[in-house]
Amino acid sequence: MANINNIRMFTRVYELENMSAAARDLRVSAAVASSRIGELEKQLGIRLFTRTTRSIQPTEQGRIFYPKALKVLEALEEAEAAVHEITLNPRGSIFVSAPLGIGRRLIAPNVAVFREKYPEIHTRLRLSDRALDVAGEGLDVAFVVGNPPDSGLMMKPIATFERVLCAAPEYIKRKGRPVHGADLISQDHDCLLLRFPGSTEFRWSLNTTDGYQNFDVTGPYACDDGDVLTEWALDGRGIINKPTFEIQQHLESGALIPVCQKSPPPNTQLAVLYPHRKNQDPKSRFFIDFMSDKLKSALA
């Protein structure tokens, strides 16, 4: 197991290009991480990384060793999965990510229910509206809203749901109620944008009489937390583009009012992504199936 831990540490340092980040990811100290890499290099008789005070880069030998190391870890996971499948007692930990809105409202409450059913599986949950690198961050399962880029990952669609543009009555009284997508631009409306590196939320796709068109909307407020955007909208700061289920209560109470109803946004897909090698991992498969059923029921 010492060798396996050393190999696992090597792959995480290789992927993150940072010893401290890899140590945090595997929940050990930087000193332990460095020691494991040193032990592996000593055992192999080669240098796996070139280290400076500011960076760590794989050597040619390290680049050759990396794909082989992945196969070793995948083989171990498949062997463990086969044993756990036979015993029907899956165990271990899974690292899961989800967008903030659906994560807080639908996934997090069901994690405890999942644990009651599978007490030997520990779930580590990361909630973020930022785009995440599933492989690079070591995620086992990633829930995504929208159409993810082609990443070579396995994808399981779960459900589709409506989106809506809406604003508070105070904002509509002050700025008017846009009817068409073009009104957002011509009437200089304040749009509340989900912004982070790589985000495309500054361009809203809306269904017009000429088909779907992209509108380069603008506004004085932007954030990488979708719930903050909802709070700003409720405060009369601008127009949001949100999944209906996230703001249903505010629509029903009249705290938010739909706008641009002649140019609605397209429906959005909810799906789950996972690496190919997790396809045979019972703990990941049980979690995906369990959450898929819960999400489908909730979104229905």
Protein backbone atom coordinates (compact mmCIF):
# COMPACT_ATOMS: atom_id res chain seq x y z
CA MET A 1 0.00 0.00 0.00
CA ALA A 2 2.95 2.34 0.54
CA ASN A 3 3.83 2.02 -3.14
CA ILE A 4 0.21 2.66 -4.14
CA ASN A 5 0.07 5.78 -1.98
CA ASN A 6 3.31 6.99 -3.55
CA ILE A 7 1.95 6.40 -7.06
CA ARG A 8 -1.33 8.11 -6.21
CA MET A 9 0.60 11.11 -4.89
CA PHE A 10 2.69 11.21 -8.05
CA THR A 11 -0.41 11.34 -10.29
CA ARG A 12 -1.98 14.16 -8.30
CA VAL A 13 1.24 16.23 -8.31
CA TYR A 14 1.54 15.59 -12.05
CA GLU A 15 -2.08 16.69 -12.69
CA LEU A 16 -2.07 19.74 -10.41
CA GLU A 17 1.55 20.77 -11.05
CA ASN A 18 1.76 21.76 -7.42
CA MET A 19 3.03 19.73 -4.46
CA SER A 20 1.04 21.63 -1.83
CA ALA A 21 -2.20 21.43 -3.83
CA ALA A 22 -1.74 17.68 -4.30
CA ALA A 23 -1.05 17.28 -0.58
CA ARG A 24 -4.24 19.16 0.32
CA ASP A 25 -6.24 17.12 -2.17
CA LEU A 26 -5.04 13.85 -0.62
CA ARG A 27 -5.29 15.25 2.91
CA VAL A 28 -1.65 14.94 3.94
CA SER A 29 1.01 17.48 4.75
CA ALA A 30 3.34 18.94 2.13
CA ALA A 31 6.20 17.18 3.88
CA VAL A 32 4.49 13.79 3.53
CA ALA A 33 3.76 14.51 -0.14
CA SER A 34 7.39 15.37 -0.82
CA SER A 35 8.54 12.27 1.07
CA ARG A 36 6.26 10.01 -1.00
CA ILE A 37 7.56 11.43 -4.27
CA GLY A 38 11.13 11.01 -3.00
CA GLU A 39 10.50 7.39 -2.04
CA LEU A 40 9.00 6.64 -5.45
CA GLU A 41 11.92 8.29 -7.27
CA LYS A 42 14.38 6.31 -5.14
CA GLN A 43 12.58 3.06 -5.84
CA LEU A 44 12.49 3.74 -9.60
CA GLY A 45 15.99 5.16 -9.72
CA ILE A 46 14.86 8.18 -11.75
CA ARG A 47 13.81 11.80 -11.31
CA LEU A 48 10.07 12.23 -11.88
CA PHE A 49 9.96 16.00 -11.42
CA THR A 50 12.17 19.01 -11.88
CA ARG A 51 11.69 21.27 -8.89
CA THR A 52 12.36 24.99 -8.49
CA THR A 53 11.30 27.39 -5.75
CA ARG A 54 8.31 28.43 -7.87
CA SER A 55 7.27 25.41 -9.91
CA ILE A 56 7.39 21.67 -10.30
CA GLN A 57 7.44 20.13 -13.76
CA PRO A 58 7.54 16.47 -14.83
CA THR A 59 10.73 15.17 -16.37
CA GLU A 60 10.67 13.14 -19.57
CA GLN A 61 10.70 10.00 -17.42
CA GLY A 62 7.81 11.42 -15.37
CA ARG A 63 5.73 12.01 -18.50
CA ILE A 64 6.36 8.43 -19.62
CA PHE A 65 5.55 7.04 -16.16
CA TYR A 66 2.25 8.98 -15.72
CA PRO A 67 -0.08 6.98 -18.05
CA LYS A 68 1.35 3.73 -16.70
CA ALA A 69 0.74 4.93 -13.14
CA LEU A 70 -2.88 5.72 -14.00
CA LYS A 71 -3.36 2.19 -15.27
CA VAL A 72 -2.01 0.80 -11.99
CA LEU A 73 -4.49 2.89 -9.98
CA GLU A 74 -7.37 2.03 -12.32
CA ALA A 75 -6.55 -1.68 -12.04
CA LEU A 76 -6.59 -1.41 -8.24
CA GLU A 77 -9.93 0.41 -8.30
CA GLU A 78 -11.43 -2.21 -10.60
CA ALA A 79 -10.21 -4.99 -8.30
CA GLU A 80 -11.66 -3.25 -5.23
CA ALA A 81 -14.90 -2.60 -7.09
CA ALA A 82 -15.22 -6.26 -8.04
CA VAL A 83 -14.78 -7.35 -4.42
CA HIS A 84 -17.23 -4.78 -3.11
CA GLU A 85 -19.73 -5.72 -5.81
CA ILE A 86 -19.65 -9.33 -4.64
CA THR A 87 -20.13 -8.38 -1.00
CA LEU A 88 -22.84 -5.83 -1.90
CA ASN A 89 -21.20 -3.62 0.65
CA PRO A 90 -19.62 -0.71 -1.29
CA ARG A 91 -17.29 1.42 0.76
CA GLY A 92 -14.82 4.23 0.44
CA SER A 93 -15.13 7.92 -0.40
CA ILE A 94 -16.48 9.76 -3.43
CA PHE A 95 -15.73 13.34 -4.43
CA VAL A 96 -18.81 15.04 -5.90
CA SER A 97 -19.36 18.51 -7.36
CA ALA A 98 -22.57 20.37 -8.22
CA PRO A 99 -23.72 23.89 -9.09
CA LEU A 100 -24.66 25.94 -6.03
CA GLY A 101 -28.39 26.20 -6.65
CA ILE A 102 -29.20 22.57 -7.35
CA GLY A 103 -26.49 21.45 -4.94
CA ARG A 104 -27.90 23.35 -1.97
CA ARG A 105 -31.55 22.67 -2.69
CA LEU A 106 -31.62 19.12 -4.02
CA ILE A 107 -28.30 17.28 -3.69
CA ALA A 108 -26.96 18.26 -0.25
CA PRO A 109 -30.19 17.30 1.59
CA ASN A 110 -30.09 13.86 -0.04
CA VAL A 111 -26.44 13.17 0.79
CA ALA A 112 -27.46 12.34 4.37
CA VAL A 113 -30.22 10.06 3.07
CA PHE A 114 -27.69 8.31 0.84
CA ARG A 115 -25.35 7.84 3.80
CA GLU A 116 -28.12 6.15 5.76
CA LYS A 117 -28.56 3.64 2.94
CA TYR A 118 -24.82 3.17 2.34
CA PRO A 119 -23.09 3.92 5.67
CA GLU A 120 -19.67 2.78 4.43
CA ILE A 121 -19.56 5.39 1.65
CA HIS A 122 -18.28 8.84 2.62
CA THR A 123 -19.28 11.75 0.38
CA ARG A 124 -17.16 14.85 -0.11
CA LEU A 125 -19.32 17.53 -1.73
CA ARG A 126 -18.07 20.66 -3.51
CA LEU A 127 -20.65 23.28 -4.50
CA SER A 128 -19.61 25.87 -7.05
CA ASP A 129 -21.07 27.65 -10.07
CA ARG A 130 -17.60 27.74 -11.62
CA ALA A 131 -16.65 25.33 -14.36
CA LEU A 132 -14.62 22.50 -12.83
CA ASP A 133 -11.98 20.22 -14.35
CA VAL A 134 -13.40 16.81 -13.44
CA ALA A 135 -10.24 14.82 -14.17
CA GLY A 136 -7.78 17.48 -13.02
CA GLU A 137 -9.49 17.97 -9.68
CA GLY A 138 -9.94 14.28 -9.00
CA LEU A 139 -13.75 14.35 -9.06
CA ASP A 140 -15.64 11.07 -9.14
CA VAL A 141 -19.03 12.58 -10.02
CA ALA A 142 -19.94 16.04 -11.34
CA PHE A 143 -23.49 17.33 -11.77
CA VAL A 144 -23.72 19.96 -14.50
CA VAL A 145 -26.43 22.28 -15.80
CA GLY A 146 -26.39 23.07 -19.52
CA ASN A 147 -24.41 21.47 -22.30
CA PRO A 148 -20.91 20.57 -21.08
CA PRO A 149 -18.02 20.73 -23.54
CA ASP A 150 -16.84 17.48 -25.10
CA SER A 151 -14.38 16.28 -22.48
CA GLY A 152 -14.19 12.56 -23.12
CA LEU A 153 -16.15 11.91 -19.92
CA MET A 154 -19.14 9.65 -19.55
CA MET A 155 -22.44 11.57 -19.32
CA LYS A 156 -25.82 10.51 -17.99
CA PRO A 157 -28.74 12.89 -18.71
CA ILE A 158 -31.09 13.26 -15.76
CA ALA A 159 -33.77 15.82 -16.63
CA THR A 160 -34.58 18.99 -18.52
CA PHE A 161 -36.19 22.05 -16.98
CA GLU A 162 -37.31 25.50 -17.98
CA ARG A 163 -35.38 28.72 -17.53
CA VAL A 164 -36.97 32.13 -17.12
CA LEU A 165 -35.91 35.77 -17.31
CA CYS A 166 -37.39 37.74 -14.45
CA ALA A 167 -37.02 40.85 -12.30
CA ALA A 168 -38.53 42.39 -9.17
CA PRO A 169 -41.58 44.69 -9.46
CA GLU A 170 -39.39 47.56 -8.19
CA TYR A 171 -36.99 47.12 -11.12
CA ILE A 172 -39.82 46.86 -13.67
CA LYS A 173 -41.41 50.02 -12.29
CA ARG A 174 -38.09 51.84 -12.62
CA LYS A 175 -36.77 50.47 -15.93
CA GLY A 176 -39.79 49.01 -17.70
CA ARG A 177 -40.74 45.43 -18.62
CA PRO A 178 -38.91 44.13 -21.71
CA VAL A 179 -40.99 41.95 -24.01
CA HIS A 180 -38.45 40.74 -26.56
CA GLY A 181 -34.79 39.81 -26.25
CA ALA A 182 -33.84 42.82 -28.37
CA ASP A 183 -35.39 45.07 -25.70
CA LEU A 184 -32.63 44.06 -23.30
CA ILE A 185 -30.14 45.83 -25.56
CA SER A 186 -32.20 48.69 -27.01
CA GLN A 187 -33.65 49.70 -23.62
CA ASP A 188 -30.29 49.32 -21.84
CA HIS A 189 -31.52 46.89 -19.19
CA ASP A 190 -29.36 45.82 -16.26
CA CYS A 191 -28.72 42.09 -16.56
CA LEU A 192 -27.29 40.18 -13.60
CA LEU A 193 -24.50 37.95 -14.87
CA LEU A 194 -22.88 34.79 -13.63
CA ARG A 195 -19.22 35.50 -14.32
CA PHE A 196 -16.07 33.46 -13.75
CA PRO A 197 -13.09 32.51 -15.93
CA GLY A 198 -14.48 30.72 -18.97
CA SER A 199 -18.09 31.70 -18.31
CA THR A 200 -20.40 32.42 -21.26
CA GLU A 201 -23.27 33.85 -19.20
CA PHE A 202 -22.69 37.33 -20.61
CA ARG A 203 -24.29 36.02 -23.83
CA TRP A 204 -27.92 34.97 -23.36
CA SER A 205 -29.48 32.64 -25.94
CA LEU A 206 -33.19 33.44 -26.42
CA ASN A 207 -35.89 32.01 -28.67
CA THR A 208 -37.00 34.78 -31.02
CA THR A 209 -39.35 34.78 -34.02
CA ASP A 210 -36.22 34.16 -36.13
CA GLY A 211 -35.09 31.24 -34.00
CA TYR A 212 -32.52 31.17 -31.23
CA GLN A 213 -30.30 34.24 -31.10
CA ASN A 214 -27.48 35.25 -28.78
CA PHE A 215 -27.72 38.61 -27.05
CA ASP A 216 -24.60 40.23 -25.56
CA VAL A 217 -26.26 41.55 -22.42
CA THR A 218 -24.57 43.85 -19.92
CA GLY A 219 -25.12 45.12 -16.41
CA PRO A 220 -23.33 46.65 -13.43
CA TYR A 221 -23.52 43.49 -11.30
CA ALA A 222 -21.80 40.14 -11.78
CA CYS A 223 -20.91 37.29 -9.43
CA ASP A 224 -19.76 33.66 -9.54
CA ASP A 225 -22.52 32.64 -7.09
CA GLY A 226 -25.96 32.20 -8.65
CA ASP A 227 -27.77 32.66 -5.33
CA VAL A 228 -26.20 36.10 -4.95
CA LEU A 229 -27.66 37.03 -8.33
CA THR A 230 -31.10 35.97 -7.09
CA GLU A 231 -30.73 38.16 -4.00
CA TRP A 232 -29.75 41.11 -6.19
CA ALA A 233 -32.77 40.51 -8.42
CA LEU A 234 -35.08 40.40 -5.40
CA ASP A 235 -33.53 43.69 -4.32
CA GLY A 236 -34.51 45.28 -7.63
CA ARG A 237 -30.99 45.45 -9.08
CA GLY A 238 -31.69 43.85 -12.46
CA ILE A 239 -32.87 40.90 -14.55
CA ILE A 240 -31.76 37.31 -13.96
CA ASN A 241 -31.77 34.25 -16.21
CA LYS A 242 -32.43 31.32 -13.91
CA PRO A 243 -33.76 27.75 -13.87
CA THR A 244 -37.42 27.96 -12.87
CA PHE A 245 -37.10 25.44 -10.05
CA GLU A 246 -34.52 27.62 -8.26
CA ILE A 247 -36.85 30.64 -8.01
CA GLN A 248 -40.30 29.00 -8.12
CA GLN A 249 -41.31 30.37 -4.72
CA HIS A 250 -40.42 33.92 -5.73
CA LEU A 251 -42.39 33.62 -8.97
CA GLU A 252 -45.42 32.28 -7.11
CA SER A 253 -45.26 35.04 -4.49
CA GLY A 254 -44.83 37.80 -7.08
CA ALA A 255 -41.45 38.82 -5.68
CA LEU A 256 -40.08 38.15 -9.17
CA ILE A 257 -42.01 38.69 -12.41
CA PRO A 258 -41.22 37.03 -15.78
CA VAL A 259 -39.96 39.33 -18.54
CA CYS A 260 -39.11 38.84 -22.23
CA GLN A 261 -41.86 36.25 -22.49
CA LYS A 262 -41.91 36.64 -26.27
CA SER A 263 -38.25 35.53 -26.30
CA PRO A 264 -37.83 32.84 -23.63
CA PRO A 265 -34.51 31.12 -22.96
CA PRO A 266 -34.19 27.47 -24.04
CA ASN A 267 -34.75 24.62 -21.63
CA THR A 268 -31.67 23.47 -19.76
CA GLN A 269 -30.34 19.95 -19.29
CA LEU A 270 -29.25 18.52 -15.96
CA ALA A 271 -26.71 15.73 -16.35
CA VAL A 272 -24.01 13.94 -14.40
CA LEU A 273 -20.44 13.46 -15.64
CA TYR A 274 -17.95 10.86 -14.48
CA PRO A 275 -14.66 9.39 -15.73
CA HIS A 276 -14.81 6.18 -17.77
CA ARG A 277 -12.94 4.28 -15.10
CA LYS A 278 -15.70 5.05 -12.57
CA ASN A 279 -18.24 3.18 -14.67
CA GLN A 280 -17.53 -0.07 -12.82
CA ASP A 281 -17.11 1.49 -9.37
CA PRO A 282 -20.19 0.41 -7.37
CA LYS A 283 -20.02 3.30 -4.91
CA SER A 284 -20.05 5.88 -7.71
CA ARG A 285 -22.72 3.99 -9.64
CA PHE A 286 -24.95 3.66 -6.57
CA PHE A 287 -24.57 7.37 -5.83
CA ILE A 288 -25.38 8.38 -9.41
CA ASP A 289 -28.44 6.12 -9.58
CA PHE A 290 -29.67 7.22 -6.16
CA MET A 291 -29.31 10.93 -6.87
CA SER A 292 -30.74 10.62 -10.37
CA ASP A 293 -33.97 9.17 -8.97
CA LYS A 294 -34.17 11.86 -6.28
CA LEU A 295 -33.52 14.68 -8.75
CA LYS A 296 -36.02 13.40 -11.30
CA SER A 297 -38.71 13.23 -8.62
CA ALA A 298 -37.92 16.69 -7.28
CA LEU A 299 -37.79 18.37 -10.70
CA ALA A 300 -41.00 16.67 -11.83
